Amino acid sequence: MKIKVELVKSPIGAIPKHRKTVAALGLKKLHSTNEFEDNVAIRGMIKQVSHLVKVTELD
């Protein structure tokens, strides 16, 4: 299963660790998206920055 992650809030005011996590997810600008295979590592990254991103599950 794949998941799509979209950056919906700017990480400018976020703590540096969260900014690095957003960058590691490959999200650079607002409303940029990236697709990943659903696994524990990606889910952990998403949970850390859940206030900045929107997640959609793809089939």
C-alpha atoms as a PDB file:
ATOM      1  CA  MET A   1       0.000   0.000   0.000  1.00  0.00           C
ATOM      2  CA  LYS A   2       1.182   3.539  -0.722  1.00  0.00           C
ATOM      3  CA  ILE A   3       0.509   6.792   1.094  1.00  0.00           C
ATOM      4  CA  LYS A   4       0.587  10.339  -0.265  1.00  0.00           C
ATOM      5  CA  VAL A   5       1.926  13.092   1.997  1.00  0.00           C
ATOM      6  CA  GLU A   6       1.165  16.767   1.311  1.00  0.00           C
ATOM      7  CA  LEU A   7       2.707  19.765   3.083  1.00  0.00           C
ATOM      8  CA  VAL A   8      -0.209  21.967   4.168  1.00  0.00           C
ATOM      9  CA  LYS A   9       1.441  24.245   6.742  1.00  0.00           C
ATOM     10  CA  SER A  10       4.772  26.046   6.554  1.00  0.00           C
ATOM     11  CA  PRO A  11       7.596  24.623   8.678  1.00  0.00           C
ATOM     12  CA  ILE A  12       9.202  28.078   9.061  1.00  0.00           C
ATOM     13  CA  GLY A  13       8.121  28.490  12.702  1.00  0.00           C
ATOM     14  CA  ALA A  14       8.617  24.829  13.579  1.00  0.00           C
ATOM     15  CA  ILE A  15      11.495  23.502  15.644  1.00  0.00           C
ATOM     16  CA  PRO A  16      14.608  22.560  13.630  1.00  0.00           C
ATOM     17  CA  LYS A  17      14.068  18.802  14.081  1.00  0.00           C
ATOM     18  CA  HIS A  18      10.631  19.083  12.467  1.00  0.00           C
ATOM     19  CA  ARG A  19      12.004  21.168   9.596  1.00  0.00           C
ATOM     20  CA  LYS A  20      14.593  18.476   8.899  1.00  0.00           C
ATOM     21  CA  THR A  21      11.913  15.787   8.991  1.00  0.00           C
ATOM     22  CA  VAL A  22       9.813  17.676   6.433  1.00  0.00           C
ATOM     23  CA  ALA A  23      12.902  18.016   4.219  1.00  0.00           C
ATOM     24  CA  ALA A  24      13.664  14.302   4.602  1.00  0.00           C
ATOM     25  CA  LEU A  25      10.136  13.540   3.389  1.00  0.00           C
ATOM     26  CA  GLY A  26      11.026  15.478   0.230  1.00  0.00           C
ATOM     27  CA  LEU A  27       8.543  18.300   0.839  1.00  0.00           C
ATOM     28  CA  LYS A  28       9.946  21.682  -0.138  1.00  0.00           C
ATOM     29  CA  LYS A  29       7.067  24.062  -0.849  1.00  0.00           C
ATOM     30  CA  LEU A  30       3.508  24.330   0.415  1.00  0.00           C
ATOM     31  CA  HIS A  31       1.135  21.823  -1.205  1.00  0.00           C
ATOM     32  CA  SER A  32       4.018  19.758  -2.548  1.00  0.00           C
ATOM     33  CA  THR A  33       3.319  16.041  -2.404  1.00  0.00           C
ATOM     34  CA  ASN A  34       5.323  12.852  -2.277  1.00  0.00           C
ATOM     35  CA  GLU A  35       4.336   9.178  -2.332  1.00  0.00           C
ATOM     36  CA  PHE A  36       5.849   6.503  -0.102  1.00  0.00           C
ATOM     37  CA  GLU A  37       5.449   2.826   0.600  1.00  0.00           C
ATOM     38  CA  ASP A  38       3.610   2.502   3.911  1.00  0.00           C
ATOM     39  CA  ASN A  39       6.095   1.378   6.569  1.00  0.00           C
ATOM     40  CA  VAL A  40       6.906   2.042  10.203  1.00  0.00           C
ATOM     41  CA  ALA A  41       9.745   4.521   9.527  1.00  0.00           C
ATOM     42  CA  ILE A  42       7.632   6.742   7.275  1.00  0.00           C
ATOM     43  CA  ARG A  43       4.676   6.562   9.682  1.00  0.00           C
ATOM     44  CA  GLY A  44       6.962   7.706  12.513  1.00  0.00           C
ATOM     45  CA  MET A  45       8.174  10.670  10.487  1.00  0.00           C
ATOM     46  CA  ILE A  46       4.598  11.608   9.612  1.00  0.00           C
ATOM     47  CA  LYS A  47       3.510  11.352  13.248  1.00  0.00           C
ATOM     48  CA  GLN A  48       6.299  13.740  14.270  1.00  0.00           C
ATOM     49  CA  VAL A  49       5.125  16.442  11.835  1.00  0.00           C
ATOM     50  CA  SER A  50       1.416  15.560  11.746  1.00  0.00           C
ATOM     51  CA  HIS A  51       0.488  19.203  12.403  1.00  0.00           C
ATOM     52  CA  LEU A  52       2.215  20.225   9.145  1.00  0.00           C
ATOM     53  CA  VAL A  53       1.161  17.508   6.711  1.00  0.00           C
ATOM     54  CA  LYS A  54      -1.935  15.807   5.299  1.00  0.00           C
ATOM     55  CA  VAL A  55      -1.852  12.065   4.606  1.00  0.00           C
ATOM     56  CA  THR A  56      -3.931  10.209   2.010  1.00  0.00           C
ATOM     57  CA  GLU A  57      -3.865   6.451   1.640  1.00  0.00           C
ATOM     58  CA  LEU A  58      -3.685   5.155  -1.926  1.00  0.00           C
ATOM     59  CA  ASP A  59      -4.692   1.703  -3.102  1.00  0.00           C
END
